[in-house]
Amino acid sequence: MAPRRGSGGYSSSYWSYSNPWAQETKFYMEMWPSKTMFIADFAFDVLFALALIAFLTWACLIRNHGQMKGIILGLIFWLFSEITDIIYEIFFLAEAVVTQYYNIDIMLQIFFSVFTYCIIVFVFYNLIHRMLNRLTDSGKPYATVAIVHWIILGIVTTVSLASWALSVVIRVKFVQDEYFSDISRDLNKVDSARAIILWLISLEIFAWTVFVAMKAGSHRFTSRSPVYALLAGSICWFAFCLMYAVIYIRYYLEVTYIYPSYLNLVTSVLTFIFGIGTLVGILLCCQKWRHVDDSADKAPATMQYPYAGAPYQPYPLQQQWQPYPGQPQPQYPQQFQQPVQEHQQQPQK
């Protein structure tokens, strides 16, 4: 979702009419108004890439993989997005002379960036659905909520795919020195719509995590720490999406404002903070999920009024009485004596 950077160097030393991609371009640091801010921006990008490597290692060490759907893939995509962005920035630091094939690096950076956020949304939805299932007596999921969420995820994925496709077309037209202003305006609208949709989704995710945190009682969760971890992650994710929604609405949807030079550094710093907060919340939730596992805190089904039946002990119909001296022996009616007589042991022949 990061705003698009410049198109590269502004001087060329060689032009090939047969292959425009072979045109050489030199990158200059003078393109940036402040070299100090650019270096600081580059430093935060490197730090965030190192943090993503640490998070990826952490995710691989979590044993409870049932709740890890999508998180490892999301970390890999986010890491590749940062790496391709760092490579683009290195061209300026080194003032390198490269061919127009560097645009492939920008295409890959946009691809990994736009689909990273779709995967993060999927991770949040998956964890929310599992927590909502814990709030039902039958253990059945909120079917309607799940269906709506997957439809929303399909919409944002489609918009992201359209954004990346338009970006590829613009890069190709840029290399071939063709007119692409109309497509660029369309891309601004699509990117702005995508940023607004992701912000609304982040707001809904935050609302669901608050709902689960309020409803999760001790009879449902042996520990609320996974819920609170996901709540903290959703707050950072909401702030992250809100930041980019404001940037796209102000500087891309409304073309009356000029994109300030310091904003790249600001977005890098805030991305570092909010991105780390989001990933820490998600990974802590997954790591502590064993505290809300079905087998750990759900008691086995029992009867409401349990009955511990004692074994039946038969009593002989005619007991052997030991009367006191002078006390008469009790007499029994014939119908009570007959069964005893029938079951008397027969003499062997």
Protein backbone atom coordinates (compact mmCIF):
# COMPACT_ATOMS: atom_id res chain seq x y z
CA MET A 1 0.00 0.00 0.00
CA ALA A 2 3.02 2.24 0.18
CA PRO A 3 2.77 5.26 -2.10
CA ARG A 4 4.59 4.85 -5.37
CA ARG A 5 8.07 6.27 -5.56
CA GLY A 6 9.77 8.08 -8.41
CA SER A 7 10.29 6.53 -11.80
CA GLY A 8 14.05 6.39 -11.45
CA GLY A 9 16.96 8.35 -12.79
CA TYR A 10 16.40 11.25 -15.11
CA SER A 11 19.36 10.98 -17.51
CA SER A 12 20.23 8.29 -19.99
CA SER A 13 23.46 7.53 -21.80
CA TYR A 14 22.27 5.01 -24.36
CA TRP A 15 19.11 4.41 -26.33
CA SER A 16 18.22 1.30 -28.27
CA TYR A 17 15.37 1.65 -30.74
CA SER A 18 15.18 -2.10 -31.18
CA ASN A 19 14.96 -2.82 -27.44
CA PRO A 20 13.79 0.05 -25.21
CA TRP A 21 14.46 -2.10 -22.16
CA ALA A 22 18.16 -1.88 -22.93
CA GLN A 23 18.17 1.89 -22.40
CA GLU A 24 20.61 2.81 -19.65
CA THR A 25 19.57 5.11 -16.83
CA LYS A 26 21.69 6.74 -14.16
CA PHE A 27 20.30 7.34 -10.69
CA TYR A 28 21.21 10.54 -8.86
CA MET A 29 20.84 11.41 -5.19
CA GLU A 30 20.10 14.97 -6.29
CA MET A 31 16.63 13.77 -7.24
CA TRP A 32 15.73 13.82 -3.54
CA PRO A 33 15.33 17.19 -1.82
CA SER A 34 17.13 15.99 1.31
CA LYS A 35 19.85 13.36 1.30
CA THR A 36 19.59 13.03 5.09
CA MET A 37 15.90 12.17 4.98
CA PHE A 38 16.48 9.66 2.20
CA ILE A 39 19.20 7.88 4.20
CA ALA A 40 16.96 7.84 7.28
CA ASP A 41 14.14 6.42 5.15
CA PHE A 42 16.50 3.75 3.86
CA ALA A 43 17.65 2.91 7.41
CA PHE A 44 14.08 2.34 8.64
CA ASP A 45 13.35 0.16 5.62
CA VAL A 46 16.38 -1.99 6.43
CA LEU A 47 15.41 -2.21 10.10
CA PHE A 48 11.90 -3.28 9.20
CA ALA A 49 13.26 -5.93 6.82
CA LEU A 50 15.43 -7.31 9.64
CA ALA A 51 12.39 -7.28 11.94
CA LEU A 52 10.41 -9.25 9.34
CA ILE A 53 13.18 -11.88 9.23
CA ALA A 54 12.96 -12.16 13.03
CA PHE A 55 9.16 -12.47 12.86
CA LEU A 56 9.43 -15.15 10.18
CA THR A 57 11.80 -17.13 12.41
CA TRP A 58 9.42 -16.69 15.34
CA ALA A 59 6.47 -17.89 13.25
CA CYS A 60 8.35 -21.02 12.18
CA LEU A 61 9.09 -21.87 15.82
CA ILE A 62 5.46 -21.73 16.93
CA ARG A 63 4.28 -25.30 17.32
CA ASN A 64 0.55 -24.64 17.17
CA HIS A 65 0.23 -24.40 13.38
CA GLY A 66 -3.57 -24.69 13.36
CA GLN A 67 -3.95 -20.94 13.77
CA MET A 68 -0.96 -20.04 11.54
CA LYS A 69 -2.86 -20.10 8.26
CA GLY A 70 -1.46 -17.42 5.99
CA ILE A 71 0.84 -15.73 8.49
CA ILE A 72 4.08 -17.28 7.17
CA LEU A 73 3.09 -16.50 3.58
CA GLY A 74 2.20 -12.94 4.60
CA LEU A 75 5.58 -12.47 6.27
CA ILE A 76 7.38 -13.77 3.18
CA PHE A 77 5.45 -11.41 0.90
CA TRP A 78 6.05 -8.44 3.19
CA LEU A 79 9.76 -9.29 3.42
CA PHE A 80 10.09 -9.52 -0.38
CA SER A 81 8.27 -6.20 -0.70
CA GLU A 82 10.81 -4.55 1.60
CA ILE A 83 13.77 -6.21 -0.13
CA THR A 84 12.71 -5.02 -3.58
CA ASP A 85 12.15 -1.52 -2.17
CA ILE A 86 15.61 -1.55 -0.58
CA ILE A 87 17.17 -2.61 -3.90
CA TYR A 88 15.52 0.37 -5.60
CA GLU A 89 16.89 2.71 -2.93
CA ILE A 90 20.38 1.23 -3.25
CA PHE A 91 20.41 2.36 -6.90
CA PHE A 92 20.23 5.97 -5.67
CA LEU A 93 22.78 5.50 -2.89
CA ALA A 94 25.25 3.96 -5.34
CA GLU A 95 24.25 6.34 -8.17
CA ALA A 96 24.16 3.25 -10.33
CA VAL A 97 23.79 3.05 -14.08
CA VAL A 98 21.21 0.39 -14.91
CA THR A 99 18.99 -0.60 -17.80
CA GLN A 100 15.25 -0.20 -17.85
CA TYR A 101 14.92 -3.71 -16.48
CA TYR A 102 15.00 -2.08 -13.04
CA ASN A 103 11.30 -1.47 -13.62
CA ILE A 104 10.76 -5.19 -13.05
CA ASP A 105 11.97 -4.62 -9.50
CA ILE A 106 9.29 -1.96 -9.07
CA MET A 107 6.63 -4.28 -10.51
CA LEU A 108 7.60 -7.00 -8.05
CA GLN A 109 7.62 -4.53 -5.17
CA ILE A 110 4.08 -3.43 -5.99
CA PHE A 111 2.93 -7.05 -6.41
CA PHE A 112 4.26 -8.19 -3.03
CA SER A 113 3.04 -5.02 -1.35
CA VAL A 114 -0.59 -5.08 -2.50
CA PHE A 115 -1.09 -8.79 -1.83
CA THR A 116 0.66 -8.69 1.56
CA TYR A 117 -2.23 -6.70 2.97
CA CYS A 118 -4.78 -9.12 1.53
CA ILE A 119 -3.02 -11.97 3.31
CA ILE A 120 -2.91 -10.03 6.60
CA VAL A 121 -6.67 -9.46 6.34
CA PHE A 122 -7.13 -13.20 5.78
CA VAL A 123 -5.05 -13.93 8.91
CA PHE A 124 -7.16 -11.58 11.03
CA TYR A 125 -10.40 -13.05 9.69
CA ASN A 126 -9.24 -16.60 10.35
CA LEU A 127 -8.36 -15.84 13.98
CA ILE A 128 -11.58 -13.91 14.54
CA HIS A 129 -13.66 -16.80 13.19
CA ARG A 130 -11.94 -19.24 15.54
CA MET A 131 -12.58 -16.98 18.50
CA LEU A 132 -16.21 -16.46 17.54
CA ASN A 133 -16.61 -20.24 17.43
CA ARG A 134 -15.60 -20.34 21.09
CA LEU A 135 -18.54 -18.11 21.97
CA THR A 136 -21.17 -20.59 20.76
CA ASP A 137 -22.48 -23.48 22.84
CA SER A 138 -22.53 -25.83 19.88
CA GLY A 139 -19.07 -24.85 18.68
CA LYS A 140 -20.46 -24.04 15.21
CA PRO A 141 -19.04 -21.01 13.40
CA TYR A 142 -20.89 -17.82 12.63
CA ALA A 143 -21.68 -18.97 9.10
CA THR A 144 -23.10 -15.64 7.91
CA VAL A 145 -20.14 -13.67 9.26
CA ALA A 146 -17.67 -16.03 7.60
CA ILE A 147 -19.45 -15.79 4.23
CA VAL A 148 -19.52 -11.98 4.36
CA HIS A 149 -15.85 -11.86 5.31
CA TRP A 150 -14.77 -14.07 2.42
CA ILE A 151 -16.80 -11.91 0.02
CA ILE A 152 -15.09 -8.78 1.35
CA LEU A 153 -11.70 -10.45 1.04
CA GLY A 154 -12.51 -11.39 -2.55
CA ILE A 155 -13.42 -7.77 -3.33
CA VAL A 156 -10.22 -6.31 -1.88
CA THR A 157 -8.15 -8.99 -3.64
CA THR A 158 -9.78 -8.12 -6.97
CA VAL A 159 -9.14 -4.41 -6.46
CA SER A 160 -5.52 -5.15 -5.52
CA LEU A 161 -5.07 -7.25 -8.64
CA ALA A 162 -6.48 -4.42 -10.77
CA SER A 163 -4.11 -1.96 -9.06
CA TRP A 164 -1.09 -4.12 -9.79
CA ALA A 165 -2.17 -4.69 -13.40
CA LEU A 166 -2.49 -0.93 -14.01
CA SER A 167 0.93 -0.40 -12.42
CA VAL A 168 2.48 -2.92 -14.79
CA VAL A 169 0.88 -1.22 -17.78
CA ILE A 170 2.24 2.15 -16.66
CA ARG A 171 5.76 0.80 -16.19
CA VAL A 172 5.72 -0.80 -19.63
CA LYS A 173 4.46 2.41 -21.26
CA PHE A 174 7.09 4.38 -19.36
CA VAL A 175 9.85 2.17 -20.76
CA GLN A 176 8.43 2.38 -24.27
CA ASP A 177 8.11 6.16 -23.93
CA GLU A 178 4.36 6.10 -24.52
CA TYR A 179 1.61 8.31 -23.10
CA PHE A 180 0.15 6.97 -19.85
CA SER A 181 -1.37 9.98 -18.04
CA ASP A 182 -4.92 8.67 -18.40
CA ILE A 183 -3.96 5.28 -16.98
CA SER A 184 -2.09 7.00 -14.16
CA ARG A 185 -5.24 8.88 -13.15
CA ASP A 186 -7.19 5.62 -13.18
CA LEU A 187 -4.49 4.01 -11.04
CA ASN A 188 -4.75 6.83 -8.52
CA LYS A 189 -8.48 6.19 -8.18
CA VAL A 190 -8.06 2.42 -7.86
CA ASP A 191 -5.26 2.78 -5.30
CA SER A 192 -7.30 5.26 -3.30
CA ALA A 193 -10.30 2.94 -3.35
CA ARG A 194 -8.12 0.05 -2.20
CA ALA A 195 -6.70 2.11 0.67
CA ILE A 196 -10.19 3.18 1.78
CA ILE A 197 -11.50 -0.41 1.61
CA LEU A 198 -8.58 -1.70 3.67
CA TRP A 199 -9.15 1.05 6.23
CA LEU A 200 -12.83 0.09 6.56
CA ILE A 201 -11.87 -3.57 6.86
CA SER A 202 -9.36 -2.71 9.59
CA LEU A 203 -12.10 -0.84 11.44
CA GLU A 204 -14.38 -3.89 11.23
CA ILE A 205 -11.55 -6.16 12.44
CA PHE A 206 -11.00 -3.88 15.41
CA ALA A 207 -14.72 -3.95 16.22
CA TRP A 208 -14.82 -7.78 16.13
CA THR A 209 -11.79 -8.09 18.41
CA VAL A 210 -13.41 -5.71 20.90
CA PHE A 211 -16.60 -7.80 20.74
CA VAL A 212 -14.69 -11.02 21.40
CA ALA A 213 -12.73 -9.43 24.25
CA MET A 214 -15.96 -8.34 25.93
CA LYS A 215 -17.73 -11.67 25.45
CA ALA A 216 -14.84 -13.99 26.28
CA GLY A 217 -15.51 -15.12 29.85
CA SER A 218 -13.59 -17.51 32.02
CA HIS A 219 -16.08 -20.25 31.11
CA ARG A 220 -15.05 -19.95 27.46
CA PHE A 221 -11.35 -19.08 27.64
CA THR A 222 -8.97 -20.31 30.29
CA SER A 223 -6.86 -17.23 29.43
CA ARG A 224 -7.75 -14.01 27.65
CA SER A 225 -4.17 -13.22 26.67
CA PRO A 226 -4.64 -14.40 23.03
CA VAL A 227 -7.69 -12.15 22.69
CA TYR A 228 -5.88 -9.14 24.12
CA ALA A 229 -2.86 -9.80 21.90
CA LEU A 230 -5.08 -9.87 18.82
CA LEU A 231 -6.83 -6.71 20.02
CA ALA A 232 -3.49 -4.89 20.27
CA GLY A 233 -2.54 -6.12 16.80
CA SER A 234 -5.86 -4.94 15.35
CA ILE A 235 -5.34 -1.46 16.84
CA CYS A 236 -1.94 -1.16 15.15
CA TRP A 237 -3.38 -2.52 11.89
CA PHE A 238 -6.19 0.05 12.03
CA ALA A 239 -3.67 2.87 12.56
CA PHE A 240 -1.53 1.52 9.72
CA CYS A 241 -4.44 1.45 7.25
CA LEU A 242 -5.74 4.81 8.41
CA MET A 243 -2.36 6.42 7.73
CA TYR A 244 -2.29 5.24 4.12
CA ALA A 245 -5.97 6.01 3.56
CA VAL A 246 -5.34 9.64 4.56
CA ILE A 247 -2.27 9.85 2.30
CA TYR A 248 -4.06 8.45 -0.74
CA ILE A 249 -7.18 10.54 -0.26
CA ARG A 250 -5.23 13.77 0.16
CA TYR A 251 -2.41 13.37 -2.36
CA TYR A 252 -3.71 10.89 -4.97
CA LEU A 253 -7.50 11.13 -5.01
CA GLU A 254 -7.32 14.92 -4.76
CA VAL A 255 -4.63 16.14 -7.14
CA THR A 256 -4.71 19.69 -5.73
CA TYR A 257 -2.11 18.82 -3.07
CA ILE A 258 1.56 18.14 -3.81
CA TYR A 259 3.15 15.09 -2.23
CA PRO A 260 5.67 16.49 0.32
CA SER A 261 9.23 15.21 0.32
CA TYR A 262 9.30 14.42 4.04
CA LEU A 263 6.31 12.09 3.82
CA ASN A 264 8.40 9.11 2.65
CA LEU A 265 10.37 9.25 5.90
CA VAL A 266 7.21 9.67 7.98
CA THR A 267 5.53 6.68 6.35
CA SER A 268 8.66 4.55 6.81
CA VAL A 269 8.82 5.36 10.53
CA LEU A 270 5.10 4.76 11.10
CA THR A 271 5.17 1.59 9.00
CA PHE A 272 8.01 0.33 11.18
CA ILE A 273 6.03 1.04 14.36
CA PHE A 274 2.55 -0.07 13.29
CA GLY A 275 3.84 -3.02 11.26
CA ILE A 276 5.79 -4.41 14.19
CA GLY A 277 2.80 -3.87 16.51
CA THR A 278 0.48 -5.71 14.12
CA LEU A 279 2.79 -8.69 13.69
CA VAL A 280 3.62 -8.96 17.41
CA GLY A 281 -0.10 -9.05 18.24
CA ILE A 282 -0.83 -11.75 15.65
CA LEU A 283 2.13 -13.95 16.57
CA LEU A 284 1.46 -13.65 20.32
CA CYS A 285 -2.15 -14.65 19.70
CA CYS A 286 -1.03 -17.71 17.74
CA GLN A 287 1.62 -18.65 20.29
CA LYS A 288 -0.77 -18.44 23.24
CA TRP A 289 -3.64 -20.13 21.42
CA ARG A 290 -3.10 -23.32 23.43
CA HIS A 291 -4.82 -21.51 26.32
CA VAL A 292 -8.09 -21.50 24.39
CA ASP A 293 -7.74 -24.88 22.71
CA ASP A 294 -10.90 -27.00 22.81
CA SER A 295 -9.15 -29.94 24.37
CA ALA A 296 -7.64 -27.81 27.13
CA ASP A 297 -10.55 -25.97 28.64
CA LYS A 298 -13.76 -27.69 27.59
CA ALA A 299 -14.92 -30.21 30.18
CA PRO A 300 -16.25 -33.53 28.89
CA ALA A 301 -20.00 -33.77 28.48
CA THR A 302 -21.74 -35.13 31.62
CA MET A 303 -25.33 -35.62 32.77
CA GLN A 304 -26.96 -32.80 34.65
CA TYR A 305 -27.81 -35.12 37.55
CA PRO A 306 -25.18 -37.82 37.58
CA TYR A 307 -26.24 -41.13 39.19
CA ALA A 308 -23.64 -43.41 40.61
CA GLY A 309 -25.52 -46.69 40.69
CA ALA A 310 -24.48 -49.18 43.31
CA PRO A 311 -24.31 -52.84 42.34
CA TYR A 312 -27.45 -54.82 43.10
CA GLN A 313 -27.07 -57.15 45.99
CA PRO A 314 -29.67 -59.90 46.10
CA TYR A 315 -31.11 -60.91 49.40
CA PRO A 316 -32.14 -64.46 50.11
CA LEU A 317 -35.82 -64.92 50.38
CA GLN A 318 -35.59 -67.06 53.45
CA GLN A 319 -32.89 -66.01 55.85
CA GLN A 320 -31.37 -68.18 58.51
CA TRP A 321 -32.64 -66.88 61.78
CA GLN A 322 -30.84 -67.50 65.01
CA PRO A 323 -33.59 -67.29 67.59
CA TYR A 324 -32.90 -66.84 71.19
CA PRO A 325 -33.63 -69.69 73.48
CA GLY A 326 -37.35 -70.03 73.84
CA GLN A 327 -38.10 -67.72 70.84
CA PRO A 328 -40.30 -69.39 68.15
CA GLN A 329 -38.98 -69.72 64.56
CA PRO A 330 -40.86 -67.38 62.14
CA GLN A 331 -43.19 -69.10 59.71
CA TYR A 332 -43.44 -68.05 56.00
CA PRO A 333 -46.38 -68.57 53.68
CA GLN A 334 -46.19 -71.39 51.17
CA GLN A 335 -45.87 -69.10 48.11
CA PHE A 336 -42.67 -67.66 49.47
CA GLN A 337 -41.23 -71.02 50.33
CA GLN A 338 -41.94 -72.64 46.95
CA PRO A 339 -39.22 -70.82 44.91
CA VAL A 340 -36.66 -71.76 47.47
CA GLN A 341 -37.70 -75.38 47.25
CA GLU A 342 -37.54 -75.34 43.46
CA HIS A 343 -33.94 -74.09 43.48
CA GLN A 344 -32.69 -76.48 46.07
CA GLN A 345 -29.78 -78.53 44.90
CA GLN A 346 -30.82 -81.90 43.58
CA PRO A 347 -28.91 -84.93 44.78
CA GLN A 348 -26.61 -86.43 42.22
CA LYS A 349 -27.50 -89.89 41.00
